[in-house]
């Protein structure tokens, strides 16, 4: 049975006492690799959290803890697998992965584990039977929160709501998309229309949203499944629909927060990427010590709207 996170926190201290001098002092340092889906501002925030945690560990352990951040240029399982193989060849102390397609990377992950390199997932659920630890939030709950808020904002009149997909094979994006559909299906006053697919790309999101807005001049609301909300917001403004089309987005990138501040994005539900990076490093460190780690670390969900936007802009801008 996996231990709870509270127990693991205590085990971290014990692990340092029992294994720290033996496992760390004899080494030149520790290197943890972070492999996101692609180059994206959201993953840059994950990396910031990972680097911050590495700096704390370096100070506490007395050795240099490095983060090797390796972002594929595009969300592509073949390119991500190549990145994983290249990372494993450097013999790191752990790899944190946000899979584009878990099944497509399963063989590579298992090969890396066979080399004795711990692998954990972040921003993705742990596939059944994989035994992989997952760092992230409840993606279904996050989408339900966004959908319910949008329905509340639209009121009894409801209307057409577009739901844009992210990268369809990405497990977190797929889970959010289905949760959006399931939540909206409860409201007869809501008509769901195809919001396009952005493939985790902000420019594509803007193009897709522009086409959706043009095809649906009576659109009342918009939802999406990833951190490309700034693209959707830009399309809403270009169409002259800011304030008219209510958009509840995902995540807390500064570009998204600025659109919340201006009112083009009504609200956003955030996965708190900085926390995901931080906790991923802690889990890799514990795994590298041989300490049993939990099956899931829930980093929480933040709901951001006009009532707390200034606070979040200040936090993310630091």
Protein backbone atom coordinates (compact mmCIF):
# COMPACT_ATOMS: atom_id res chain seq x y z
CA UNK A 1 0.00 0.00 0.00
CA UNK A 2 1.29 3.47 -0.87
CA UNK A 3 1.89 5.82 2.04
CA UNK A 4 -0.05 9.06 2.43
CA UNK A 5 1.78 12.30 1.70
CA UNK A 6 1.84 13.20 5.39
CA UNK A 7 3.72 9.98 6.11
CA UNK A 8 6.08 10.62 3.25
CA UNK A 9 6.94 14.06 4.66
CA UNK A 10 8.11 12.31 7.83
CA UNK A 11 9.90 9.67 5.78
CA UNK A 12 11.79 12.43 3.99
CA UNK A 13 13.43 13.45 7.24
CA UNK A 14 14.16 9.85 8.15
CA UNK A 15 15.52 9.20 4.68
CA UNK A 16 17.91 12.11 5.01
CA UNK A 17 19.18 10.84 8.34
CA UNK A 18 19.50 7.21 7.28
CA UNK A 19 20.66 7.56 3.72
CA UNK A 20 21.71 11.18 3.29
CA UNK A 21 25.36 10.97 4.27
CA UNK A 22 25.82 7.71 2.40
CA UNK A 23 23.88 8.54 -0.80
CA UNK A 24 24.62 12.24 -1.12
CA UNK A 25 28.04 12.99 0.31
CA UNK A 26 29.65 10.34 -1.86
CA UNK A 27 28.19 11.90 -4.96
CA UNK A 28 29.13 15.00 -6.87
CA UNK A 29 25.51 16.08 -6.69
CA UNK A 30 22.07 15.19 -7.96
CA UNK A 31 20.48 15.79 -11.36
CA UNK A 32 16.75 15.55 -11.98
CA UNK A 33 15.33 15.76 -15.50
CA UNK A 34 11.99 17.42 -16.30
CA UNK A 35 10.45 16.46 -19.66
CA UNK A 36 7.23 18.38 -20.54
CA UNK A 37 5.01 17.80 -23.54
CA UNK A 38 6.50 20.69 -25.51
CA UNK A 39 7.92 24.20 -25.39
CA UNK A 40 5.20 26.22 -23.66
CA UNK A 41 5.00 29.04 -21.12
CA UNK A 42 3.04 26.79 -18.72
CA UNK A 43 5.91 24.33 -18.56
CA UNK A 44 8.33 27.20 -17.99
CA UNK A 45 6.42 27.84 -14.76
CA UNK A 46 6.73 24.15 -13.83
CA UNK A 47 10.47 24.49 -14.37
CA UNK A 48 10.59 27.57 -12.12
CA UNK A 49 9.04 25.53 -9.31
CA UNK A 50 11.46 22.68 -9.93
CA UNK A 51 14.49 24.99 -9.88
CA UNK A 52 13.30 26.69 -6.69
CA UNK A 53 12.93 23.33 -4.95
CA UNK A 54 16.35 22.22 -6.20
CA UNK A 55 17.91 25.34 -4.69
CA UNK A 56 16.35 24.52 -1.31
CA UNK A 57 17.57 20.92 -1.48
CA UNK A 58 21.06 22.07 -2.47
CA UNK A 59 21.24 24.22 0.63
CA UNK A 60 19.89 21.52 2.93
CA UNK A 61 21.93 18.61 1.54
CA UNK A 62 25.17 20.49 1.00
CA UNK A 63 25.53 19.30 -2.60
CA UNK A 64 24.47 20.82 -5.92
CA UNK A 65 21.03 19.69 -7.06
CA UNK A 66 20.52 20.41 -10.75
CA UNK A 67 17.40 20.53 -12.90
CA UNK A 68 17.92 19.39 -16.49
CA UNK A 69 14.89 20.82 -18.30
CA UNK A 70 14.35 19.20 -21.71
CA UNK A 71 11.33 20.48 -23.65
CA UNK A 72 10.49 18.95 -27.07
CA UNK A 73 9.68 21.60 -29.63
CA UNK A 74 6.22 20.18 -30.33
CA UNK A 75 3.79 17.80 -28.65
CA UNK A 76 4.76 14.62 -30.46
CA UNK A 77 5.20 11.19 -28.88
CA UNK A 78 8.14 10.23 -31.10
CA UNK A 79 10.00 13.45 -30.31
CA UNK A 80 9.22 13.08 -26.61
CA UNK A 81 10.49 9.49 -26.60
CA UNK A 82 13.73 10.64 -28.20
CA UNK A 83 14.06 13.30 -25.50
CA UNK A 84 13.48 10.65 -22.82
CA UNK A 85 16.11 8.34 -24.28
CA UNK A 86 18.63 11.16 -24.51
CA UNK A 87 17.89 12.16 -20.92
CA UNK A 88 18.32 8.58 -19.67
CA UNK A 89 21.70 8.36 -21.41
CA UNK A 90 23.00 11.04 -19.00
CA UNK A 91 22.19 8.73 -16.03
CA UNK A 92 20.17 11.25 -13.99
CA UNK A 93 18.84 10.60 -10.49
CA UNK A 94 15.24 10.81 -11.68
CA UNK A 95 13.00 11.85 -14.58
CA UNK A 96 9.66 13.67 -14.30
CA UNK A 97 7.49 13.32 -17.41
CA UNK A 98 4.27 14.88 -18.68
CA UNK A 99 3.36 12.31 -21.34
CA UNK A 100 1.95 13.26 -24.71
CA UNK A 101 0.69 9.68 -25.05
CA UNK A 102 1.45 7.28 -22.19
CA UNK A 103 0.85 4.13 -24.23
CA UNK A 104 3.19 5.43 -26.91
CA UNK A 105 5.91 6.02 -24.31
CA UNK A 106 5.29 3.00 -22.08
CA UNK A 107 8.10 0.86 -23.51
CA UNK A 108 10.63 3.69 -23.22
CA UNK A 109 9.56 4.42 -19.63
CA UNK A 110 9.97 0.78 -18.68
CA UNK A 111 13.43 0.65 -20.28
CA UNK A 112 14.47 3.70 -18.25
CA UNK A 113 13.14 2.16 -15.03
CA UNK A 114 15.06 -1.03 -15.80
CA UNK A 115 18.22 1.10 -15.69
CA UNK A 116 17.39 2.01 -12.10
CA UNK A 117 16.29 5.56 -12.93
CA UNK A 118 13.08 6.59 -11.11
CA UNK A 119 10.33 7.95 -13.36
CA UNK A 120 7.33 9.92 -12.11
CA UNK A 121 4.54 11.71 -13.94
CA UNK A 122 3.42 15.31 -13.49
CA UNK A 123 0.33 17.07 -14.84
CA UNK A 124 -1.06 13.65 -15.78
CA UNK A 125 -3.00 10.89 -14.04
CA UNK A 126 -1.20 7.64 -13.34
CA UNK A 127 -2.42 4.99 -15.80
CA UNK A 128 -3.96 1.97 -14.13
CA UNK A 129 -1.39 -0.71 -13.41
CA UNK A 130 1.57 1.51 -14.25
CA UNK A 131 2.76 1.91 -10.66
CA UNK A 132 3.92 5.43 -11.50
CA UNK A 133 3.53 8.26 -9.02
CA UNK A 134 1.48 11.17 -10.33
CA UNK A 135 2.01 14.79 -9.26
CA UNK A 136 -0.87 17.05 -10.22
CA UNK A 137 -4.45 17.92 -9.46
CA UNK A 138 -7.82 16.29 -10.00
CA UNK A 139 -8.26 17.17 -13.68
CA UNK A 140 -11.89 16.10 -13.75
CA UNK A 141 -12.67 18.31 -10.76
CA UNK A 142 -10.82 21.22 -12.36
CA UNK A 143 -12.92 21.02 -15.53
CA UNK A 144 -16.15 20.55 -13.57
CA UNK A 145 -15.36 23.69 -11.58
CA UNK A 146 -14.82 25.70 -14.77
CA UNK A 147 -17.97 24.35 -16.45
CA UNK A 148 -20.18 24.93 -13.44
CA UNK A 149 -18.90 28.49 -13.08
CA UNK A 150 -19.59 29.23 -16.73
CA UNK A 151 -23.14 27.88 -16.45
CA UNK A 152 -23.65 30.01 -13.34
CA UNK A 153 -22.39 33.10 -15.19
CA UNK A 154 -24.62 32.48 -18.22
CA UNK A 155 -27.68 32.02 -16.00
CA UNK A 156 -31.04 30.57 -16.91
CA UNK A 157 -30.90 31.70 -20.54
CA UNK A 158 -27.79 29.62 -21.22
CA UNK A 159 -26.92 29.43 -24.89
CA UNK A 160 -24.17 28.02 -27.08
CA UNK A 161 -20.92 27.03 -25.39
CA UNK A 162 -17.79 26.02 -27.31
CA UNK A 163 -15.37 23.52 -25.75
CA UNK A 164 -11.87 23.51 -27.21
CA UNK A 165 -9.73 20.39 -26.88
CA UNK A 166 -6.01 20.50 -26.08
CA UNK A 167 -3.81 17.64 -27.29
CA UNK A 168 -6.41 14.85 -27.59
CA UNK A 169 -4.16 11.93 -26.57
CA UNK A 170 -2.76 13.74 -23.52
CA UNK A 171 -4.51 12.06 -20.56
CA UNK A 172 -5.04 15.25 -18.56
CA UNK A 173 -6.45 17.13 -21.57
CA UNK A 174 -8.73 14.22 -22.48
CA UNK A 175 -9.97 13.93 -18.91
CA UNK A 176 -10.78 17.64 -18.72
CA UNK A 177 -12.55 17.61 -22.09
CA UNK A 178 -14.83 14.74 -21.14
CA UNK A 179 -15.51 16.32 -17.74
CA UNK A 180 -16.56 19.55 -19.48
CA UNK A 181 -18.98 17.63 -21.70
CA UNK A 182 -20.39 15.62 -18.81
CA UNK A 183 -20.92 18.72 -16.66
CA UNK A 184 -22.60 20.73 -19.42
CA UNK A 185 -24.86 17.80 -20.35
CA UNK A 186 -26.75 18.35 -17.08
CA UNK A 187 -28.08 21.71 -18.28
CA UNK A 188 -30.75 21.67 -21.02
CA UNK A 189 -30.31 25.40 -21.59
CA UNK A 190 -26.73 24.82 -22.77
CA UNK A 191 -25.94 23.82 -26.36
CA UNK A 192 -22.38 22.51 -26.77
CA UNK A 193 -20.58 23.26 -30.03
CA UNK A 194 -17.21 22.04 -31.28
CA UNK A 195 -14.50 24.43 -30.06
CA UNK A 196 -11.71 22.98 -32.19
CA UNK A 197 -8.37 21.44 -31.16
CA UNK A 198 -5.36 23.57 -30.23
CA UNK A 199 -2.77 20.77 -29.80
CA UNK A 200 -1.26 22.65 -26.85
CA UNK A 201 -0.32 25.59 -29.06
CA UNK A 202 -1.41 29.18 -28.32
CA UNK A 203 -1.35 30.34 -31.95
CA UNK A 204 -3.42 27.33 -33.00
CA UNK A 205 -5.86 28.09 -30.18
CA UNK A 206 -6.29 31.62 -31.49
CA UNK A 207 -6.88 30.40 -35.05
CA UNK A 208 -9.34 27.72 -33.96
CA UNK A 209 -11.24 30.09 -31.69
CA UNK A 210 -11.50 32.69 -34.45
CA UNK A 211 -13.06 30.09 -36.73
CA UNK A 212 -15.50 28.98 -34.02
CA UNK A 213 -16.56 32.57 -33.29
CA UNK A 214 -17.09 33.27 -36.99
CA UNK A 215 -19.19 30.12 -37.42
CA UNK A 216 -21.24 30.81 -34.29
CA UNK A 217 -22.10 34.53 -34.08
CA UNK A 218 -24.54 33.75 -31.25
CA UNK A 219 -21.93 31.99 -29.10
CA UNK A 220 -22.34 32.77 -25.40
CA UNK A 221 -19.51 30.90 -23.70
CA UNK A 222 -16.10 29.26 -24.18
CA UNK A 223 -14.18 26.57 -22.28
CA UNK A 224 -10.79 25.01 -22.99
CA UNK A 225 -8.64 22.16 -21.67
CA UNK A 226 -5.08 23.48 -21.39
CA UNK A 227 -2.98 26.60 -20.83
CA UNK A 228 -3.68 28.14 -24.25
CA UNK A 229 -6.40 30.47 -23.01
CA UNK A 230 -4.52 33.57 -24.10
CA UNK A 231 -5.00 32.44 -27.72
CA UNK A 232 -8.75 32.06 -27.25
CA UNK A 233 -8.93 35.42 -25.45
CA UNK A 234 -7.06 37.15 -28.29
CA UNK A 235 -9.55 35.73 -30.79
CA UNK A 236 -12.48 36.92 -28.66
CA UNK A 237 -11.07 40.44 -28.58
CA UNK A 238 -10.34 40.44 -32.32
CA UNK A 239 -13.96 39.43 -32.96
CA UNK A 240 -15.15 42.33 -30.80
CA UNK A 241 -16.81 39.89 -28.40
CA UNK A 242 -14.94 40.73 -25.17
CA UNK A 243 -17.47 40.71 -22.35
CA UNK A 244 -20.11 39.26 -24.64
CA UNK A 245 -18.64 35.76 -24.91
CA UNK A 246 -17.93 34.55 -21.38
CA UNK A 247 -14.71 32.55 -21.21
CA UNK A 248 -13.61 30.43 -18.24
CA UNK A 249 -10.10 29.24 -18.99
CA UNK A 250 -7.39 27.06 -17.47
CA UNK A 251 -4.23 27.89 -15.51
CA UNK A 252 -2.39 30.92 -14.16
CA UNK A 253 0.12 32.09 -16.75
CA UNK A 254 0.66 35.84 -16.55
CA UNK A 255 -0.83 36.30 -20.04
CA UNK A 256 -3.99 34.54 -18.91
CA UNK A 257 -4.12 36.51 -15.68
CA UNK A 258 -3.83 39.78 -17.59
CA UNK A 259 -6.87 38.79 -19.66
CA UNK A 260 -8.76 38.05 -16.41
CA UNK A 261 -7.76 41.50 -15.19
CA UNK A 262 -9.10 43.12 -18.36
CA UNK A 263 -12.30 41.05 -18.24
CA UNK A 264 -11.88 39.20 -21.54
CA UNK A 265 -11.37 36.00 -19.53
CA UNK A 266 -14.10 35.87 -16.88
CA UNK A 267 -12.27 33.41 -14.63
CA UNK A 268 -9.69 30.64 -14.72
CA UNK A 269 -9.14 27.39 -12.83
CA UNK A 270 -5.43 26.81 -12.27
CA UNK A 271 -3.35 23.69 -11.77
CA UNK A 272 -0.64 25.77 -10.04
CA UNK A 273 2.28 24.63 -12.25
CA UNK A 274 4.94 26.02 -9.91
CA UNK A 275 3.77 23.63 -7.18
CA UNK A 276 3.80 20.72 -9.61
CA UNK A 277 7.46 21.38 -10.44
CA UNK A 278 8.38 21.70 -6.79
CA UNK A 279 6.64 18.51 -5.67
CA UNK A 280 7.93 16.55 -8.67
CA UNK A 281 11.50 17.27 -7.56
CA UNK A 282 10.74 16.18 -4.00
CA UNK A 283 9.23 12.91 -5.23
CA UNK A 284 12.21 12.21 -7.52
CA UNK A 285 14.60 12.89 -4.66
CA UNK A 286 12.75 10.53 -2.32
CA UNK A 287 12.57 7.85 -5.02
CA UNK A 288 16.31 8.20 -5.62
CA UNK A 289 16.85 7.41 -1.92
CA UNK A 290 14.76 4.27 -2.21
CA UNK A 291 11.98 5.72 -0.07
CA UNK A 292 8.49 4.53 -0.96
CA UNK A 293 6.50 7.44 -2.39
CA UNK A 294 2.73 7.98 -2.70
CA UNK A 295 0.78 6.99 -5.77
CA UNK A 296 -0.56 10.53 -6.07
CA UNK A 297 0.43 13.98 -4.87
CA UNK A 298 -2.46 16.44 -5.25
CA UNK A 299 -1.16 19.97 -5.76
CA UNK A 300 -4.62 21.52 -5.66
CA UNK A 301 -6.77 23.79 -7.81
CA UNK A 302 -6.97 27.57 -7.66
CA UNK A 303 -10.04 29.51 -8.84
CA UNK A 304 -9.13 32.98 -10.04
CA UNK A 305 -11.51 35.78 -10.97
CA UNK A 306 -11.89 39.52 -10.41
CA UNK A 307 -11.99 39.03 -6.62
CA UNK A 308 -8.42 37.73 -6.30
CA UNK A 309 -6.74 38.55 -9.62
CA UNK A 310 -4.40 41.21 -8.23
CA UNK A 311 -3.07 38.76 -5.64
CA UNK A 312 -2.35 36.15 -8.30
CA UNK A 313 -0.70 38.60 -10.70
CA UNK A 314 1.61 39.64 -7.89
CA UNK A 315 2.48 36.03 -7.02
CA UNK A 316 3.13 34.91 -10.59
CA UNK A 317 5.14 38.04 -11.43
CA UNK A 318 7.72 37.38 -8.72
